[in-house]
Amino acid sequence: MAKEYSRTQRVAEQVQKELAQIIQLEMKDPRLGLITVSAVDISRDLAFADIHVSCMGVEGQEQIDESINVLNGAAGFLRSQLARAMKLRATPRLRFYFDNSLRRGQHLSSLIERAIAKDQQKKSGE
């Protein structure tokens, strides 16, 4: 009987939950906006965790880059907090990346809405 989820998937889900709480409650840096942990990818040997985050309330690319730099700078602190929260033999190294899927989804949604509005205008004009 095959396992439904691999160990790396289960660890990734737990890391995502714990990091979301740690970032929300423990990070006091004013340069950070509202950070959402959208996905976690963990290497098979559990040595590295790629954390994909989205930044709410941040508009410019410079602010996004600064938020990612702040998170990568605080990776040691976040890793130590994660080690306290999770019972793993070795806590993975954290690497933070910006997740652009939320913005891309909003952009596609606005394009669809515009196309629908144009179609309705054409139909009503005929």
N, C-alpha and C. Protein backbone atom coordinates (compact mmCIF):
# COMPACT_ATOMS: atom_id res chain seq x y z
N MET A 1 0.85 -1.18 0.00
CA MET A 1 0.00 0.00 0.00
C MET A 1 0.89 1.25 0.00
N ALA A 2 0.71 2.12 -0.98
CA ALA A 2 1.51 3.33 -1.10
C ALA A 2 1.01 4.40 -0.14
N LYS A 3 1.94 5.22 0.32
CA LYS A 3 1.57 6.32 1.20
C LYS A 3 0.87 7.39 0.39
N GLU A 4 -0.09 8.04 1.00
CA GLU A 4 -0.83 9.08 0.31
C GLU A 4 0.05 10.31 0.09
N TYR A 5 0.84 10.68 1.08
CA TYR A 5 1.73 11.82 0.99
C TYR A 5 3.13 11.36 1.37
N SER A 6 4.12 11.91 0.68
CA SER A 6 5.49 11.58 1.04
C SER A 6 5.87 12.38 2.29
N ARG A 7 6.96 11.98 2.89
CA ARG A 7 7.41 12.67 4.11
C ARG A 7 7.75 14.12 3.81
N THR A 8 8.38 14.37 2.66
CA THR A 8 8.74 15.75 2.33
C THR A 8 7.50 16.62 2.17
N GLN A 9 6.42 16.08 1.63
CA GLN A 9 5.18 16.84 1.50
C GLN A 9 4.59 17.16 2.87
N ARG A 10 4.61 16.18 3.75
CA ARG A 10 4.07 16.41 5.10
C ARG A 10 4.90 17.44 5.86
N VAL A 11 6.23 17.35 5.74
CA VAL A 11 7.11 18.32 6.40
C VAL A 11 6.89 19.71 5.80
N ALA A 12 6.74 19.79 4.47
CA ALA A 12 6.53 21.07 3.80
C ALA A 12 5.24 21.73 4.29
N GLU A 13 4.18 20.96 4.44
CA GLU A 13 2.92 21.51 4.94
C GLU A 13 3.07 22.03 6.36
N GLN A 14 3.77 21.28 7.19
CA GLN A 14 3.97 21.71 8.57
C GLN A 14 4.86 22.95 8.64
N VAL A 15 5.91 23.00 7.81
CA VAL A 15 6.78 24.18 7.77
C VAL A 15 5.97 25.40 7.34
N GLN A 16 5.10 25.23 6.35
CA GLN A 16 4.28 26.34 5.87
C GLN A 16 3.39 26.88 6.99
N LYS A 17 2.75 26.00 7.73
CA LYS A 17 1.87 26.43 8.83
C LYS A 17 2.66 27.15 9.93
N GLU A 18 3.77 26.54 10.33
CA GLU A 18 4.56 27.11 11.42
C GLU A 18 5.19 28.44 11.02
N LEU A 19 5.74 28.52 9.80
CA LEU A 19 6.37 29.77 9.37
C LEU A 19 5.36 30.90 9.24
N ALA A 20 4.16 30.59 8.78
CA ALA A 20 3.12 31.62 8.68
C ALA A 20 2.85 32.23 10.05
N GLN A 21 2.77 31.40 11.07
CA GLN A 21 2.54 31.90 12.43
C GLN A 21 3.75 32.66 12.95
N ILE A 22 4.94 32.13 12.72
CA ILE A 22 6.15 32.78 13.23
C ILE A 22 6.33 34.15 12.60
N ILE A 23 6.15 34.23 11.28
CA ILE A 23 6.31 35.52 10.59
C ILE A 23 5.29 36.51 11.09
N GLN A 24 4.07 36.06 11.29
CA GLN A 24 3.00 36.96 11.73
C GLN A 24 3.22 37.43 13.16
N LEU A 25 3.64 36.54 14.04
CA LEU A 25 3.72 36.88 15.46
C LEU A 25 5.09 37.36 15.93
N GLU A 26 6.16 36.87 15.32
CA GLU A 26 7.50 37.13 15.84
C GLU A 26 8.26 38.21 15.07
N MET A 27 7.95 38.40 13.81
CA MET A 27 8.70 39.38 13.00
C MET A 27 8.17 40.77 13.29
N LYS A 28 9.05 41.63 13.74
CA LYS A 28 8.66 43.00 14.12
C LYS A 28 9.24 44.04 13.17
N ASP A 29 9.78 43.64 12.04
CA ASP A 29 10.43 44.56 11.11
C ASP A 29 9.40 45.41 10.39
N PRO A 30 9.50 46.74 10.49
CA PRO A 30 8.50 47.60 9.85
C PRO A 30 8.58 47.60 8.32
N ARG A 31 9.68 47.09 7.74
CA ARG A 31 9.80 47.04 6.28
C ARG A 31 8.94 45.95 5.67
N LEU A 32 8.48 45.02 6.51
CA LEU A 32 7.64 43.94 6.02
C LEU A 32 6.18 44.37 6.02
N GLY A 33 5.50 44.06 4.95
CA GLY A 33 4.06 44.27 4.90
C GLY A 33 3.37 43.01 5.41
N LEU A 34 2.21 42.76 4.90
CA LEU A 34 1.49 41.54 5.22
C LEU A 34 2.05 40.42 4.35
N ILE A 35 2.72 39.48 4.97
CA ILE A 35 3.39 38.39 4.26
C ILE A 35 2.53 37.13 4.37
N THR A 36 2.29 36.49 3.23
CA THR A 36 1.55 35.24 3.18
C THR A 36 2.46 34.15 2.64
N VAL A 37 2.59 33.06 3.36
CA VAL A 37 3.39 31.93 2.88
C VAL A 37 2.48 31.10 1.98
N SER A 38 2.75 31.15 0.68
CA SER A 38 1.86 30.50 -0.27
C SER A 38 2.27 29.07 -0.59
N ALA A 39 3.56 28.77 -0.53
CA ALA A 39 4.00 27.40 -0.82
C ALA A 39 5.38 27.17 -0.21
N VAL A 40 5.66 25.90 0.07
CA VAL A 40 6.97 25.50 0.57
C VAL A 40 7.40 24.26 -0.22
N ASP A 41 8.59 24.32 -0.78
CA ASP A 41 9.19 23.18 -1.47
C ASP A 41 10.42 22.77 -0.68
N ILE A 42 10.45 21.51 -0.29
CA ILE A 42 11.57 21.00 0.52
C ILE A 42 12.34 19.97 -0.30
N SER A 43 13.67 20.05 -0.22
CA SER A 43 14.50 19.08 -0.94
C SER A 43 14.29 17.69 -0.34
N ARG A 44 14.61 16.68 -1.12
CA ARG A 44 14.36 15.30 -0.68
C ARG A 44 15.13 14.94 0.59
N ASP A 45 16.31 15.55 0.76
CA ASP A 45 17.12 15.26 1.95
C ASP A 45 16.79 16.19 3.12
N LEU A 46 15.76 17.03 2.96
CA LEU A 46 15.28 17.97 3.99
C LEU A 46 16.35 18.99 4.40
N ALA A 47 17.30 19.26 3.50
CA ALA A 47 18.36 20.22 3.83
C ALA A 47 17.94 21.65 3.52
N PHE A 48 17.12 21.85 2.50
CA PHE A 48 16.73 23.19 2.08
C PHE A 48 15.22 23.28 1.93
N ALA A 49 14.69 24.44 2.27
CA ALA A 49 13.27 24.72 2.07
C ALA A 49 13.15 26.02 1.29
N ASP A 50 12.54 25.94 0.14
CA ASP A 50 12.27 27.13 -0.67
C ASP A 50 10.87 27.62 -0.30
N ILE A 51 10.82 28.81 0.30
CA ILE A 51 9.58 29.37 0.80
C ILE A 51 9.09 30.41 -0.20
N HIS A 52 7.90 30.22 -0.74
CA HIS A 52 7.30 31.16 -1.68
C HIS A 52 6.29 32.01 -0.92
N VAL A 53 6.51 33.33 -0.96
CA VAL A 53 5.66 34.24 -0.21
C VAL A 53 5.06 35.28 -1.15
N SER A 54 3.90 35.77 -0.76
CA SER A 54 3.30 36.91 -1.46
C SER A 54 3.20 38.04 -0.46
N CYS A 55 3.33 39.25 -0.97
CA CYS A 55 3.35 40.44 -0.12
C CYS A 55 2.10 41.26 -0.41
N MET A 56 1.23 41.38 0.56
CA MET A 56 0.01 42.16 0.39
C MET A 56 0.28 43.60 0.81
N GLY A 57 -0.34 44.52 0.11
CA GLY A 57 -0.18 45.93 0.45
C GLY A 57 1.13 46.52 -0.02
N VAL A 58 1.86 45.79 -0.84
CA VAL A 58 3.14 46.25 -1.38
C VAL A 58 2.96 46.38 -2.89
N GLU A 59 3.27 47.56 -3.42
CA GLU A 59 3.03 47.80 -4.83
C GLU A 59 4.28 47.67 -5.69
N GLY A 60 5.32 48.37 -5.36
CA GLY A 60 6.49 48.44 -6.23
C GLY A 60 7.40 47.23 -6.10
N GLN A 61 8.13 46.96 -7.17
CA GLN A 61 9.09 45.86 -7.17
C GLN A 61 10.20 46.09 -6.14
N GLU A 62 10.54 47.35 -5.90
CA GLU A 62 11.59 47.66 -4.91
C GLU A 62 11.16 47.23 -3.51
N GLN A 63 9.90 47.48 -3.17
CA GLN A 63 9.39 47.08 -1.85
C GLN A 63 9.33 45.56 -1.74
N ILE A 64 8.96 44.90 -2.82
CA ILE A 64 8.92 43.44 -2.82
C ILE A 64 10.32 42.88 -2.61
N ASP A 65 11.29 43.43 -3.36
CA ASP A 65 12.68 42.97 -3.22
C ASP A 65 13.19 43.21 -1.80
N GLU A 66 12.83 44.36 -1.21
CA GLU A 66 13.25 44.65 0.15
C GLU A 66 12.64 43.66 1.14
N SER A 67 11.37 43.33 0.96
CA SER A 67 10.72 42.36 1.85
C SER A 67 11.38 40.99 1.75
N ILE A 68 11.71 40.57 0.54
CA ILE A 68 12.38 39.28 0.35
C ILE A 68 13.77 39.32 0.97
N ASN A 69 14.48 40.44 0.82
CA ASN A 69 15.80 40.57 1.44
C ASN A 69 15.72 40.53 2.96
N VAL A 70 14.68 41.18 3.52
CA VAL A 70 14.49 41.15 4.98
C VAL A 70 14.25 39.72 5.45
N LEU A 71 13.40 38.99 4.73
CA LEU A 71 13.11 37.61 5.11
C LEU A 71 14.35 36.72 4.98
N ASN A 72 15.09 36.89 3.90
CA ASN A 72 16.32 36.10 3.74
C ASN A 72 17.36 36.48 4.79
N GLY A 73 17.38 37.74 5.20
CA GLY A 73 18.28 38.17 6.27
C GLY A 73 17.89 37.60 7.62
N ALA A 74 16.61 37.39 7.81
CA ALA A 74 16.10 36.84 9.07
C ALA A 74 15.94 35.32 9.01
N ALA A 75 16.47 34.70 7.97
CA ALA A 75 16.29 33.25 7.80
C ALA A 75 16.86 32.46 8.97
N GLY A 76 17.98 32.90 9.54
CA GLY A 76 18.56 32.20 10.69
C GLY A 76 17.65 32.25 11.90
N PHE A 77 17.11 33.44 12.17
CA PHE A 77 16.16 33.58 13.28
C PHE A 77 14.92 32.73 13.04
N LEU A 78 14.38 32.80 11.83
CA LEU A 78 13.17 32.02 11.51
C LEU A 78 13.45 30.52 11.59
N ARG A 79 14.64 30.12 11.18
CA ARG A 79 15.01 28.70 11.25
C ARG A 79 15.09 28.23 12.70
N SER A 80 15.65 29.07 13.57
CA SER A 80 15.74 28.68 14.98
C SER A 80 14.35 28.60 15.62
N GLN A 81 13.48 29.53 15.26
CA GLN A 81 12.11 29.48 15.78
C GLN A 81 11.37 28.25 15.24
N LEU A 82 11.63 27.92 13.99
CA LEU A 82 11.01 26.74 13.38
C LEU A 82 11.51 25.47 14.05
N ALA A 83 12.79 25.44 14.40
CA ALA A 83 13.36 24.26 15.07
C ALA A 83 12.71 24.05 16.43
N ARG A 84 12.37 25.14 17.12
CA ARG A 84 11.69 25.01 18.42
C ARG A 84 10.28 24.48 18.25
N ALA A 85 9.62 24.90 17.16
CA ALA A 85 8.22 24.53 16.96
C ALA A 85 8.07 23.11 16.41
N MET A 86 9.05 22.65 15.64
CA MET A 86 8.96 21.34 15.01
C MET A 86 10.01 20.41 15.58
N LYS A 87 9.68 19.17 15.66
CA LYS A 87 10.61 18.17 16.19
C LYS A 87 11.24 17.40 15.04
N LEU A 88 12.25 18.01 14.41
CA LEU A 88 13.00 17.38 13.34
C LEU A 88 14.44 17.20 13.79
N ARG A 89 15.09 16.20 13.25
CA ARG A 89 16.50 16.01 13.59
C ARG A 89 17.33 17.19 13.08
N ALA A 90 17.05 17.62 11.85
CA ALA A 90 17.75 18.76 11.27
C ALA A 90 16.71 19.67 10.63
N THR A 91 16.78 20.94 10.95
CA THR A 91 15.84 21.92 10.38
C THR A 91 16.42 22.41 9.07
N PRO A 92 15.60 22.44 8.01
CA PRO A 92 16.13 22.86 6.71
C PRO A 92 16.52 24.33 6.67
N ARG A 93 17.47 24.67 5.83
CA ARG A 93 17.84 26.06 5.59
C ARG A 93 16.71 26.71 4.80
N LEU A 94 16.39 27.94 5.13
CA LEU A 94 15.27 28.63 4.51
C LEU A 94 15.75 29.59 3.44
N ARG A 95 15.09 29.54 2.29
CA ARG A 95 15.35 30.47 1.19
C ARG A 95 14.00 31.02 0.75
N PHE A 96 13.89 32.34 0.73
CA PHE A 96 12.61 32.98 0.43
C PHE A 96 12.58 33.51 -1.00
N TYR A 97 11.43 33.33 -1.66
CA TYR A 97 11.20 33.78 -3.02
C TYR A 97 9.82 34.43 -3.10
N PHE A 98 9.70 35.40 -4.00
CA PHE A 98 8.42 36.07 -4.21
C PHE A 98 7.54 35.21 -5.10
N ASP A 99 6.29 35.04 -4.71
CA ASP A 99 5.31 34.28 -5.49
C ASP A 99 4.43 35.26 -6.24
N ASN A 100 4.57 35.28 -7.53
CA ASN A 100 3.87 36.24 -8.37
C ASN A 100 2.50 35.74 -8.82
N SER A 101 2.09 34.57 -8.42
CA SER A 101 0.86 33.98 -8.93
C SER A 101 -0.39 34.79 -8.55
N LEU A 102 -0.39 35.43 -7.39
CA LEU A 102 -1.55 36.23 -6.99
C LEU A 102 -1.74 37.42 -7.92
N ARG A 103 -0.66 38.13 -8.20
CA ARG A 103 -0.74 39.26 -9.12
C ARG A 103 -1.12 38.81 -10.52
N ARG A 104 -0.54 37.72 -10.96
CA ARG A 104 -0.84 37.20 -12.29
C ARG A 104 -2.32 36.82 -12.39
N GLY A 105 -2.85 36.23 -11.34
CA GLY A 105 -4.26 35.87 -11.32
C GLY A 105 -5.16 37.10 -11.36
N GLN A 106 -4.80 38.13 -10.63
CA GLN A 106 -5.58 39.36 -10.66
C GLN A 106 -5.54 40.01 -12.04
N HIS A 107 -4.37 39.98 -12.67
CA HIS A 107 -4.23 40.55 -14.01
C HIS A 107 -5.09 39.78 -15.01
N LEU A 108 -5.03 38.45 -14.96
CA LEU A 108 -5.84 37.64 -15.87
C LEU A 108 -7.33 37.86 -15.63
N SER A 109 -7.72 37.99 -14.38
CA SER A 109 -9.12 38.24 -14.05
C SER A 109 -9.59 39.57 -14.61
N SER A 110 -8.76 40.60 -14.52
CA SER A 110 -9.14 41.90 -15.07
C SER A 110 -9.22 41.85 -16.60
N LEU A 111 -8.34 41.07 -17.24
CA LEU A 111 -8.42 40.92 -18.69
C LEU A 111 -9.71 40.22 -19.11
N ILE A 112 -10.10 39.22 -18.36
CA ILE A 112 -11.34 38.50 -18.66
C ILE A 112 -12.54 39.42 -18.48
N GLU A 113 -12.54 40.20 -17.41
CA GLU A 113 -13.65 41.13 -17.17
C GLU A 113 -13.75 42.16 -18.28
N ARG A 114 -12.62 42.66 -18.75
CA ARG A 114 -12.64 43.63 -19.86
C ARG A 114 -13.17 43.00 -21.14
N ALA A 115 -12.76 41.76 -21.41
CA ALA A 115 -13.24 41.08 -22.61
C ALA A 115 -14.75 40.85 -22.55
N ILE A 116 -15.26 40.49 -21.40
CA ILE A 116 -16.70 40.29 -21.22
C ILE A 116 -17.44 41.60 -21.40
N ALA A 117 -16.90 42.68 -20.86
CA ALA A 117 -17.54 43.99 -20.99
C ALA A 117 -17.57 44.43 -22.46
N LYS A 118 -16.48 44.20 -23.21
CA LYS A 118 -16.46 44.54 -24.63
C LYS A 118 -17.48 43.72 -25.41
N ASP A 119 -17.59 42.43 -25.09
CA ASP A 119 -18.58 41.59 -25.76
C ASP A 119 -19.99 42.06 -25.50
N GLN A 120 -20.27 42.47 -24.27
CA GLN A 120 -21.60 42.96 -23.93
C GLN A 120 -21.89 44.26 -24.65
N GLN A 121 -20.88 45.12 -24.79
CA GLN A 121 -21.08 46.38 -25.51
C GLN A 121 -21.37 46.11 -26.99
N LYS A 122 -20.67 45.17 -27.57
CA LYS A 122 -20.90 44.82 -28.99
C LYS A 122 -22.30 44.25 -29.19
N LYS A 123 -22.73 43.39 -28.26
CA LYS A 123 -24.06 42.79 -28.38
C LYS A 123 -25.17 43.83 -28.21
N SER A 124 -24.97 44.75 -27.29
CA SER A 124 -26.00 45.76 -27.06
C SER A 124 -26.00 46.80 -28.19
N GLY A 125 -24.88 46.97 -28.89
CA GLY A 125 -24.79 47.93 -29.98
C GLY A 125 -25.33 47.39 -31.28
N GLU A 126 -25.52 46.09 -31.41
CA GLU A 126 -26.01 45.49 -32.65
C GLU A 126 -27.49 45.63 -32.83
